[in-house]
Amino acid sequence: MTTLVEDVATWITELRYDMLPRDVVDRTKLIVLDTLGCALGALNAQPLQLARQVVRQQGGNPQATPIGVRWKTSSDQVAFLDGIALRYLDLNDYSTVGGHPSINVAPALSVTDAQGLSGKELILGTIVGYEVQLRLREATERGKQEGWDHATGVHYSAAAAAAKLFGLPRAQIAQALAIAGSHACTLAAVRKGRLSMWKGAAEAMAAKSGTFAALLARAGMTGPLAIFEGSGGYREAVTGVLDEDVMRKRPEEFLLLTSCVKLWPCVFVAQAPIAAALKLRGRKNFSPDKIKHIVIYLSAFSYEQQKKFLAAGVSTRESADHSAPYCVARALLDGEVRLEHFDEKSFSEPRAVALFNKVSLEHGGNLPDKVGARIEVHLDDGDVLREEVLYPPGHTNNPVGEGEVVEKFRALSDKVLGPEKTNTVCDIVLHMEAAPNLAALVDALCPAGAGT
């Protein structure tokens, strides 16, 4: 009898690039481009600067290069730094299954760089990470885990992606997942109450942990192979449920295709409310000064999440980008939602605070789970304006194409890299299957004048 983690390791070992459908490969390239844009947009963020400072102080063998710099460090530290960068703005993807699986680009890119691997292998490693993370959510009732954060699953997926790219055999891939899973419980506190810098770093720590677990397994370290189904394991201690068949089956319909692109830098449940607010804002003769009250109708999950954030208020960047009421207020005031709207100067602005205080939340009944929204704007003269968005742009039911993803990437990258390097990154990523290694991509992801 094999354990569940050994069966998962079997299909990971057997999965090859030439088995991937064309649409999955093409989608992966767009995800990588979108994710790199999110990381570039956050290169000057304080949490990333602090993390870089610590990594430089600690040191590490020069194996791979973090995005945006010219120095190297160990592959697990690079996964950590790149993970913070790509998650900080809360602008990277979300999945209809749940979570933000593009975090797996961090360990996949780090190991591909460290090992001198090809673009095809980066694509394959990213897909392996997506499959493990999202299958784990599917197998546990879309991530049911009382008291635990969704970063928990990233420990396993990062280990899987890194182990695959290190070229480990089945037995050692299983050990990598077992080692990573032994310490894979991220407390839900990271996304509760007054949100801190760690909201955007928890998954990065999991990416680091999973990469390090793969390195330990490569060296010969062993872990508890009954990590999923055994006594004290994932099912018993974390989720209470685990559909083993979902984890064991070989990929046929790849879950990476459930990835959704964000157009605004905030929590995914705010994407539809923003889209609805912008529709209202675009109406003829609309004036924010005439607003008396705003009601946002949300699905059950989103309502329960957002009423907590509404009660907590907006006092940090992290709480601003997780507040649908603040995002709606900003959209109605300015006709757009930009990165700078989550700076303290913006969320403390008196007119934004005043409009935020006019927002209330209601349960919207039959709205699509987590993503749909209706908005009512009550005006001083008694008129009520209404808009509904069931699926925001970027959702799999309302998808955006390559042009929109490239446009989003350019908006984030041009200011950091300049047009020439932005074009280079786009060209390499969109033709990544032809790249024998990623040296040119890593070089292009570093702004001119960056420190060594």
Protein backbone atom coordinates (compact mmCIF):
# COMPACT_ATOMS: atom_id res chain seq x y z
CA MET A 1 0.00 0.00 0.00
CA THR A 2 1.32 3.41 -0.93
CA THR A 3 0.46 6.56 0.97
CA LEU A 4 -1.46 9.43 -0.57
CA VAL A 5 1.63 11.62 -0.82
CA GLU A 6 3.44 8.83 -2.70
CA ASP A 7 0.55 8.60 -5.18
CA VAL A 8 0.66 12.37 -5.68
CA ALA A 9 4.40 12.10 -6.25
CA THR A 10 3.75 9.45 -8.90
CA TRP A 11 1.74 11.71 -11.20
CA ILE A 12 4.11 14.61 -10.54
CA THR A 13 7.02 12.42 -11.65
CA GLU A 14 5.20 11.20 -14.76
CA LEU A 15 3.95 14.62 -15.92
CA ARG A 16 5.99 15.92 -18.86
CA TYR A 17 5.92 19.10 -20.89
CA ASP A 18 4.83 17.27 -24.05
CA MET A 19 1.71 16.08 -22.20
CA LEU A 20 0.47 19.64 -21.66
CA PRO A 21 -2.42 20.91 -23.82
CA ARG A 22 -1.68 24.02 -25.89
CA ASP A 23 -4.28 26.13 -24.08
CA VAL A 24 -2.70 25.26 -20.72
CA VAL A 25 0.77 26.25 -21.94
CA ASP A 26 -0.53 29.52 -23.37
CA ARG A 27 -2.44 30.31 -20.20
CA THR A 28 0.63 29.59 -18.07
CA LYS A 29 2.70 32.08 -20.06
CA LEU A 30 0.09 34.78 -19.51
CA ILE A 31 -0.01 33.97 -15.80
CA VAL A 32 3.77 34.23 -15.55
CA LEU A 33 3.73 37.59 -17.36
CA ASP A 34 0.91 38.90 -15.17
CA THR A 35 2.70 37.70 -12.03
CA LEU A 36 6.02 39.27 -13.00
CA GLY A 37 4.24 42.56 -13.56
CA CYS A 38 2.77 42.40 -10.07
CA ALA A 39 6.25 41.74 -8.64
CA LEU A 40 7.82 44.61 -10.58
CA GLY A 41 5.14 46.98 -9.34
CA ALA A 42 6.10 46.18 -5.74
CA LEU A 43 9.90 46.42 -5.95
CA ASN A 44 10.04 49.50 -3.72
CA ALA A 45 7.48 48.28 -1.19
CA GLN A 46 8.62 48.50 2.42
CA PRO A 47 7.99 44.83 3.34
CA LEU A 48 10.11 43.70 0.39
CA GLN A 49 12.88 46.14 1.29
CA LEU A 50 12.87 44.83 4.87
CA ALA A 51 12.97 41.23 3.71
CA ARG A 52 15.84 41.98 1.30
CA GLN A 53 17.76 43.60 4.14
CA VAL A 54 17.42 40.49 6.29
CA VAL A 55 18.35 38.14 3.45
CA ARG A 56 21.47 40.18 2.62
CA GLN A 57 22.48 40.14 6.29
CA GLN A 58 21.96 36.38 6.55
CA GLY A 59 23.69 35.61 3.29
CA GLY A 60 23.28 32.54 1.12
CA ASN A 61 25.13 30.71 -1.61
CA PRO A 62 24.72 32.60 -4.91
CA GLN A 63 22.29 30.26 -6.64
CA ALA A 64 19.56 32.48 -8.08
CA THR A 65 18.71 36.18 -8.54
CA PRO A 66 15.68 37.85 -6.93
CA ILE A 67 13.52 39.94 -9.25
CA GLY A 68 14.74 43.52 -9.46
CA VAL A 69 18.33 43.18 -8.17
CA ARG A 70 21.73 42.06 -9.44
CA TRP A 71 22.87 39.97 -6.49
CA LYS A 72 22.29 36.29 -5.91
CA THR A 73 21.33 34.22 -2.89
CA SER A 74 20.06 30.74 -2.11
CA SER A 75 17.10 29.45 -4.11
CA ASP A 76 14.78 29.23 -1.09
CA GLN A 77 15.52 32.85 -0.13
CA VAL A 78 14.82 33.95 -3.71
CA ALA A 79 11.47 32.13 -3.60
CA PHE A 80 10.72 34.08 -0.41
CA LEU A 81 11.66 37.49 -1.82
CA ASP A 82 9.92 36.95 -5.15
CA GLY A 83 6.87 35.64 -3.28
CA ILE A 84 6.59 38.85 -1.26
CA ALA A 85 7.03 40.95 -4.39
CA LEU A 86 4.36 39.23 -6.42
CA ARG A 87 1.82 39.15 -3.56
CA TYR A 88 2.34 42.57 -1.97
CA LEU A 89 0.04 44.59 -4.23
CA ASP A 90 -2.72 41.95 -4.04
CA LEU A 91 -2.89 42.22 -7.82
CA ASN A 92 -1.83 38.70 -8.78
CA ASP A 93 -4.33 36.05 -9.78
CA TYR A 94 -7.02 34.23 -7.83
CA SER A 95 -8.66 30.91 -8.68
CA THR A 96 -12.32 29.95 -8.85
CA VAL A 97 -11.21 27.04 -6.66
CA GLY A 98 -9.72 29.53 -4.17
CA GLY A 99 -6.40 31.03 -3.17
CA HIS A 100 -3.77 32.89 -5.18
CA PRO A 101 -1.92 30.06 -6.93
CA SER A 102 0.46 32.28 -8.92
CA ILE A 103 2.55 32.29 -5.73
CA ASN A 104 3.93 29.07 -7.27
CA VAL A 105 5.73 31.17 -9.87
CA ALA A 106 8.14 32.20 -7.09
CA PRO A 107 9.61 28.76 -6.29
CA ALA A 108 9.37 27.67 -9.93
CA LEU A 109 11.28 30.71 -11.20
CA SER A 110 13.85 30.49 -8.41
CA VAL A 111 14.71 26.85 -9.03
CA THR A 112 14.62 27.23 -12.82
CA ASP A 113 17.13 30.07 -12.51
CA ALA A 114 19.32 28.21 -10.00
CA GLN A 115 19.41 25.05 -12.11
CA GLY A 116 19.85 26.79 -15.47
CA LEU A 117 16.66 25.18 -16.77
CA SER A 118 14.60 26.05 -19.84
CA GLY A 119 11.42 28.01 -20.33
CA LYS A 120 9.54 24.75 -20.91
CA GLU A 121 10.64 23.55 -17.48
CA LEU A 122 9.47 26.79 -15.83
CA ILE A 123 6.07 26.25 -17.44
CA LEU A 124 5.95 22.64 -16.24
CA GLY A 125 7.04 23.50 -12.69
CA THR A 126 4.46 26.28 -12.43
CA ILE A 127 1.70 23.92 -13.56
CA VAL A 128 2.75 21.29 -11.01
CA GLY A 129 2.50 23.92 -8.25
CA TYR A 130 -0.95 24.98 -9.43
CA GLU A 131 -2.20 21.40 -9.59
CA VAL A 132 -1.07 20.49 -6.08
CA GLN A 133 -2.33 23.68 -4.43
CA LEU A 134 -5.70 23.70 -6.16
CA ARG A 135 -6.31 19.96 -5.89
CA LEU A 136 -5.69 20.26 -2.17
CA ARG A 137 -8.41 22.91 -2.01
CA GLU A 138 -10.79 20.80 -4.11
CA ALA A 139 -10.12 17.77 -1.92
CA THR A 140 -10.91 19.69 1.26
CA GLU A 141 -14.20 21.32 0.28
CA ARG A 142 -12.56 24.33 -1.38
CA GLY A 143 -10.05 24.79 1.40
CA LYS A 144 -12.15 24.22 4.50
CA GLN A 145 -9.64 24.68 7.32
CA GLU A 146 -10.86 26.07 10.59
CA GLY A 147 -8.30 28.44 12.05
CA TRP A 148 -5.82 28.04 9.19
CA ASP A 149 -4.96 30.40 6.33
CA HIS A 150 -4.96 29.40 2.66
CA ALA A 151 -1.17 29.84 2.62
CA THR A 152 -1.12 26.42 4.28
CA GLY A 153 -1.50 24.66 0.93
CA VAL A 154 1.40 26.58 -0.60
CA HIS A 155 3.92 24.67 1.54
CA TYR A 156 2.90 21.51 -0.34
CA SER A 157 2.63 23.09 -3.80
CA ALA A 158 5.96 24.92 -3.56
CA ALA A 159 7.64 21.71 -2.46
CA ALA A 160 6.08 19.91 -5.42
CA ALA A 161 7.15 22.57 -7.95
CA ALA A 162 10.69 22.79 -6.57
CA ALA A 163 11.13 19.01 -6.31
CA LYS A 164 9.94 18.54 -9.89
CA LEU A 165 12.38 21.15 -11.15
CA PHE A 166 15.25 19.73 -9.11
CA GLY A 167 14.61 16.53 -11.07
CA LEU A 168 13.97 14.44 -7.96
CA PRO A 169 12.69 10.89 -8.36
CA ARG A 170 9.24 9.88 -7.13
CA ALA A 171 10.42 8.77 -3.67
CA GLN A 172 12.17 12.07 -2.96
CA ILE A 173 9.28 14.16 -4.30
CA ALA A 174 7.07 12.38 -1.78
CA GLN A 175 9.57 13.11 0.97
CA ALA A 176 9.69 16.80 -0.03
CA LEU A 177 5.91 17.10 0.34
CA ALA A 178 5.99 15.19 3.62
CA ILE A 179 8.69 17.43 5.07
CA ALA A 180 7.00 20.62 3.92
CA GLY A 181 3.60 19.46 5.14
CA SER A 182 4.92 18.75 8.62
CA HIS A 183 5.13 22.52 9.20
CA ALA A 184 2.41 23.69 6.83
CA CYS A 185 -0.18 25.27 9.08
CA THR A 186 -0.34 29.03 8.65
CA LEU A 187 -2.66 30.62 11.20
CA ALA A 188 -5.72 32.43 9.84
CA ALA A 189 -4.73 35.35 12.06
CA VAL A 190 -2.61 36.68 9.20
CA ARG A 191 -5.82 37.74 7.44
CA LYS A 192 -7.96 38.75 10.41
CA GLY A 193 -8.53 42.01 12.26
CA ARG A 194 -6.09 44.86 11.62
CA LEU A 195 -4.11 43.53 8.68
CA SER A 196 -0.33 43.79 8.85
CA MET A 197 2.54 43.53 6.38
CA TRP A 198 2.48 39.77 6.88
CA LYS A 199 -0.82 39.49 4.98
CA GLY A 200 1.20 39.64 1.76
CA ALA A 201 4.16 37.63 3.07
CA ALA A 202 2.57 34.52 4.56
CA GLU A 203 2.44 32.70 1.23
CA ALA A 204 6.00 33.81 0.47
CA MET A 205 7.17 32.12 3.66
CA ALA A 206 5.35 28.98 2.52
CA ALA A 207 7.10 29.21 -0.86
CA LYS A 208 10.45 29.41 0.96
CA SER A 209 9.54 26.50 3.22
CA GLY A 210 8.47 24.29 0.33
CA THR A 211 11.63 25.04 -1.65
CA PHE A 212 13.81 24.28 1.37
CA ALA A 213 11.90 21.03 1.96
CA ALA A 214 12.71 19.95 -1.60
CA LEU A 215 16.39 20.70 -0.98
CA LEU A 216 16.32 18.59 2.18
CA ALA A 217 14.64 15.73 0.35
CA ARG A 218 17.26 15.95 -2.39
CA ALA A 219 19.95 15.55 0.28
CA GLY A 220 18.23 12.41 1.62
CA MET A 221 16.10 13.72 4.49
CA THR A 222 12.87 11.80 5.07
CA GLY A 223 9.49 12.92 6.38
CA PRO A 224 6.21 11.37 7.55
CA LEU A 225 4.74 9.84 4.39
CA ALA A 226 1.27 9.56 5.92
CA ILE A 227 1.22 13.37 6.16
CA PHE A 228 -2.18 13.67 4.48
CA GLU A 229 -4.27 10.77 5.77
CA GLY A 230 -2.37 9.46 8.82
CA SER A 231 -2.86 10.07 12.53
CA GLY A 232 -2.18 13.72 13.30
CA GLY A 233 -1.94 14.49 9.59
CA TYR A 234 -3.53 17.09 7.34
CA ARG A 235 -7.03 15.62 7.29
CA GLU A 236 -7.22 14.96 11.01
CA ALA A 237 -5.49 18.07 12.30
CA VAL A 238 -6.31 20.74 9.72
CA THR A 239 -9.36 20.23 7.51
CA GLY A 240 -11.38 17.31 8.86
CA VAL A 241 -12.12 16.26 5.26
CA LEU A 242 -9.94 15.02 2.43
CA ASP A 243 -11.08 13.47 -0.84
CA GLU A 244 -8.13 11.24 -1.64
CA ASP A 245 -9.31 10.51 -5.18
CA VAL A 246 -9.03 14.19 -6.12
CA MET A 247 -5.41 14.19 -5.05
CA ARG A 248 -4.50 10.87 -6.67
CA LYS A 249 -5.93 11.29 -10.16
CA ARG A 250 -3.60 12.27 -12.97
CA PRO A 251 -4.19 15.68 -14.57
CA GLU A 252 -6.73 15.72 -17.38
CA GLU A 253 -8.50 19.05 -17.01
CA PHE A 254 -5.78 21.26 -15.56
CA LEU A 255 -6.87 23.45 -12.66
CA LEU A 256 -4.54 26.21 -13.82
CA LEU A 257 -7.34 27.12 -16.24
CA THR A 258 -9.40 28.26 -13.21
CA SER A 259 -7.00 31.18 -12.75
CA CYS A 260 -8.60 34.64 -12.86
CA VAL A 261 -6.80 37.91 -13.60
CA LYS A 262 -7.27 40.92 -11.33
CA LEU A 263 -7.66 44.33 -12.93
CA TRP A 264 -7.57 46.24 -9.63
CA PRO A 265 -4.98 45.89 -6.82
CA CYS A 266 -7.21 44.58 -4.06
CA VAL A 267 -8.93 41.54 -2.60
CA PHE A 268 -10.72 39.45 -5.23
CA VAL A 269 -14.17 39.85 -3.64
CA ALA A 270 -13.88 43.62 -4.30
CA GLN A 271 -13.36 43.17 -8.06
CA ALA A 272 -17.09 42.93 -8.90
CA PRO A 273 -18.10 45.78 -6.55
CA ILE A 274 -15.47 48.00 -8.18
CA ALA A 275 -16.69 47.08 -11.66
CA ALA A 276 -20.27 47.92 -10.65
CA ALA A 277 -19.19 51.19 -9.02
CA LEU A 278 -17.30 52.24 -12.14
CA LYS A 279 -20.39 51.60 -14.25
CA LEU A 280 -22.35 53.91 -11.96
CA ARG A 281 -19.56 56.48 -11.96
CA GLY A 282 -19.70 56.57 -15.75
CA ARG A 283 -23.33 57.58 -15.90
CA LYS A 284 -24.17 61.01 -17.24
CA ASN A 285 -24.25 63.78 -14.65
CA PHE A 286 -23.16 61.45 -11.84
CA SER A 287 -21.66 63.34 -8.88
CA PRO A 288 -20.15 61.74 -5.74
CA ASP A 289 -21.16 64.87 -3.82
CA LYS A 290 -24.83 63.88 -4.15
CA ILE A 291 -24.43 60.47 -2.51
CA LYS A 292 -26.40 59.95 0.69
CA HIS A 293 -25.85 56.25 1.21
CA ILE A 294 -24.28 53.21 -0.55
CA VAL A 295 -25.39 49.61 -0.17
CA ILE A 296 -23.17 46.79 -1.42
CA TYR A 297 -24.87 43.41 -1.81
CA LEU A 298 -22.49 40.42 -1.67
CA SER A 299 -22.63 36.62 -1.66
CA ALA A 300 -22.65 34.83 1.68
CA PHE A 301 -18.87 34.25 1.79
CA SER A 302 -18.02 37.79 0.73
CA TYR A 303 -20.56 39.34 3.08
CA GLU A 304 -19.18 37.47 6.10
CA GLN A 305 -15.63 38.43 5.16
CA GLN A 306 -16.33 42.06 4.39
CA LYS A 307 -18.51 42.89 7.37
CA LYS A 308 -15.49 42.10 9.56
CA PHE A 309 -13.26 44.37 7.51
CA LEU A 310 -15.90 47.11 7.51
CA ALA A 311 -16.07 46.96 11.31
CA ALA A 312 -12.27 47.04 11.61
CA GLY A 313 -12.01 50.11 9.38
CA VAL A 314 -9.08 51.13 7.18
CA SER A 315 -5.82 51.90 8.98
CA THR A 316 -3.09 50.18 6.94
CA ARG A 317 -2.38 49.57 3.28
CA GLU A 318 -3.26 45.93 3.81
CA SER A 319 -6.64 46.72 5.36
CA ALA A 320 -7.38 49.21 2.57
CA ASP A 321 -6.81 46.71 -0.23
CA HIS A 322 -8.95 44.15 1.59
CA SER A 323 -11.88 46.51 2.07
CA ALA A 324 -14.56 46.38 -0.64
CA PRO A 325 -16.32 49.41 0.92
CA TYR A 326 -13.16 51.51 0.65
CA CYS A 327 -12.51 50.32 -2.90
CA VAL A 328 -16.07 51.19 -3.93
CA ALA A 329 -15.79 54.62 -2.31
CA ARG A 330 -12.56 55.23 -4.19
CA ALA A 331 -14.06 54.10 -7.51
CA LEU A 332 -17.07 56.40 -7.06
CA LEU A 333 -14.88 59.35 -6.10
CA ASP A 334 -12.23 59.05 -8.79
CA GLY A 335 -13.63 56.84 -11.53
CA GLU A 336 -10.72 54.42 -11.10
CA VAL A 337 -8.82 52.44 -8.47
CA ARG A 338 -5.05 52.90 -8.61
CA LEU A 339 -2.09 51.64 -6.59
CA GLU A 340 -1.60 55.01 -4.90
CA HIS A 341 -5.15 54.87 -3.53
CA PHE A 342 -3.87 52.39 -0.94
CA ASP A 343 -1.25 54.74 0.48
CA GLU A 344 -2.06 56.26 3.87
CA LYS A 345 -2.42 59.72 2.33
CA SER A 346 -5.27 58.42 0.15
CA PHE A 347 -7.18 56.24 2.60
CA SER A 348 -6.93 58.98 5.23
CA GLU A 349 -8.23 61.63 2.84
CA PRO A 350 -11.32 63.28 4.45
CA ARG A 351 -13.58 62.89 1.42
CA ALA A 352 -12.67 59.19 1.13
CA VAL A 353 -13.29 58.64 4.85
CA ALA A 354 -16.63 60.45 4.59
CA LEU A 355 -17.81 58.32 1.67
CA PHE A 356 -16.51 55.10 3.25
CA ASN A 357 -18.66 55.90 6.29
CA LYS A 358 -21.75 56.01 4.04
CA VAL A 359 -21.32 52.37 2.97
CA SER A 360 -23.30 49.46 4.37
CA LEU A 361 -23.25 45.78 3.43
CA GLU A 362 -26.08 43.35 2.79
CA HIS A 363 -26.29 39.68 1.92
CA GLY A 364 -27.19 39.58 -1.77
CA GLY A 365 -29.02 36.25 -1.91
CA ASN A 366 -28.38 34.41 -5.17
CA LEU A 367 -25.18 36.17 -6.27
CA PRO A 368 -22.39 33.89 -7.57
CA ASP A 369 -20.30 32.57 -4.70
CA LYS A 370 -17.56 35.01 -3.63
CA VAL A 371 -17.39 37.05 -6.84
CA GLY A 372 -20.73 38.73 -7.65
CA ALA A 373 -22.01 42.08 -6.39
CA ARG A 374 -24.90 44.54 -6.62
CA ILE A 375 -24.62 48.18 -5.66
CA GLU A 376 -27.28 50.71 -4.77
CA VAL A 377 -26.33 54.36 -4.56
CA HIS A 378 -28.95 56.47 -2.77
CA LEU A 379 -28.79 60.14 -3.71
CA ASP A 380 -29.78 63.23 -1.74
CA ASP A 381 -32.77 63.85 -4.01
CA GLY A 382 -34.23 60.39 -3.33
CA ASP A 383 -33.10 58.70 -6.55
CA VAL A 384 -31.53 55.25 -6.28
CA LEU A 385 -28.96 54.11 -8.85
CA ARG A 386 -28.33 50.36 -9.24
CA GLU A 387 -25.74 48.20 -10.97
CA GLU A 388 -24.98 44.48 -10.83
CA VAL A 389 -21.85 42.58 -11.88
CA LEU A 390 -22.06 38.82 -11.55
CA TYR A 391 -18.55 38.08 -12.80
CA PRO A 392 -15.87 40.80 -12.81
CA PRO A 393 -13.58 41.27 -15.82
CA GLY A 394 -10.75 38.77 -15.57
CA HIS A 395 -12.93 36.00 -14.10
CA THR A 396 -13.06 32.77 -16.10
CA ASN A 397 -16.70 33.57 -16.91
CA ASN A 398 -15.72 37.05 -18.09
CA PRO A 399 -12.15 36.51 -19.29
CA VAL A 400 -9.56 38.95 -20.53
CA GLY A 401 -7.15 38.02 -23.31
CA GLU A 402 -3.47 38.41 -24.05
CA GLY A 403 -3.87 42.07 -25.01
CA GLU A 404 -5.35 43.02 -21.64
CA VAL A 405 -2.71 41.05 -19.72
CA VAL A 406 0.09 42.68 -21.71
CA GLU A 407 -1.45 46.11 -21.15
CA LYS A 408 -1.62 45.46 -17.40
CA PHE A 409 1.99 44.24 -17.41
CA ARG A 410 3.19 47.33 -19.27
CA ALA A 411 1.38 49.65 -16.87
CA LEU A 412 3.30 48.05 -14.00
CA SER A 413 6.63 47.47 -15.73
CA ASP A 414 7.25 50.58 -17.86
CA LYS A 415 7.79 52.81 -14.83
CA VAL A 416 10.27 50.33 -13.35
CA LEU A 417 12.12 48.80 -16.29
CA GLY A 418 11.45 51.30 -19.07
CA PRO A 419 9.86 50.44 -22.43
CA GLU A 420 12.85 48.58 -23.90
CA LYS A 421 13.24 46.07 -21.06
CA THR A 422 9.46 45.78 -20.77
CA ASN A 423 9.35 44.72 -24.41
CA THR A 424 12.15 42.23 -23.80
CA VAL A 425 10.36 40.60 -20.87
CA CYS A 426 7.11 40.38 -22.84
CA ASP A 427 8.84 38.79 -25.79
CA ILE A 428 10.71 36.21 -23.70
CA VAL A 429 7.71 35.20 -21.60
CA LEU A 430 5.23 35.00 -24.46
CA HIS A 431 7.68 32.73 -26.32
CA MET A 432 9.04 31.05 -23.22
CA GLU A 433 8.89 27.52 -24.59
CA ALA A 434 11.72 28.49 -26.96
CA ALA A 435 14.06 29.76 -24.23
CA PRO A 436 16.94 27.34 -23.48
CA ASN A 437 17.44 29.06 -20.13
CA LEU A 438 16.16 32.13 -18.28
CA ALA A 439 19.37 34.17 -18.05
CA ALA A 440 18.06 36.83 -20.43
CA LEU A 441 14.75 37.05 -18.56
CA VAL A 442 16.40 37.39 -15.16
CA ASP A 443 18.66 40.13 -16.55
CA ALA A 444 15.73 42.00 -18.12
CA LEU A 445 13.79 41.91 -14.83
CA CYS A 446 16.41 44.11 -13.19
CA PRO A 447 16.01 47.91 -13.53
CA ALA A 448 18.94 49.92 -14.81
CA GLY A 449 21.07 51.09 -11.93
CA ALA A 450 19.90 48.40 -9.52
CA GLY A 451 22.37 47.52 -6.79
CA THR A 452 24.69 44.52 -6.97
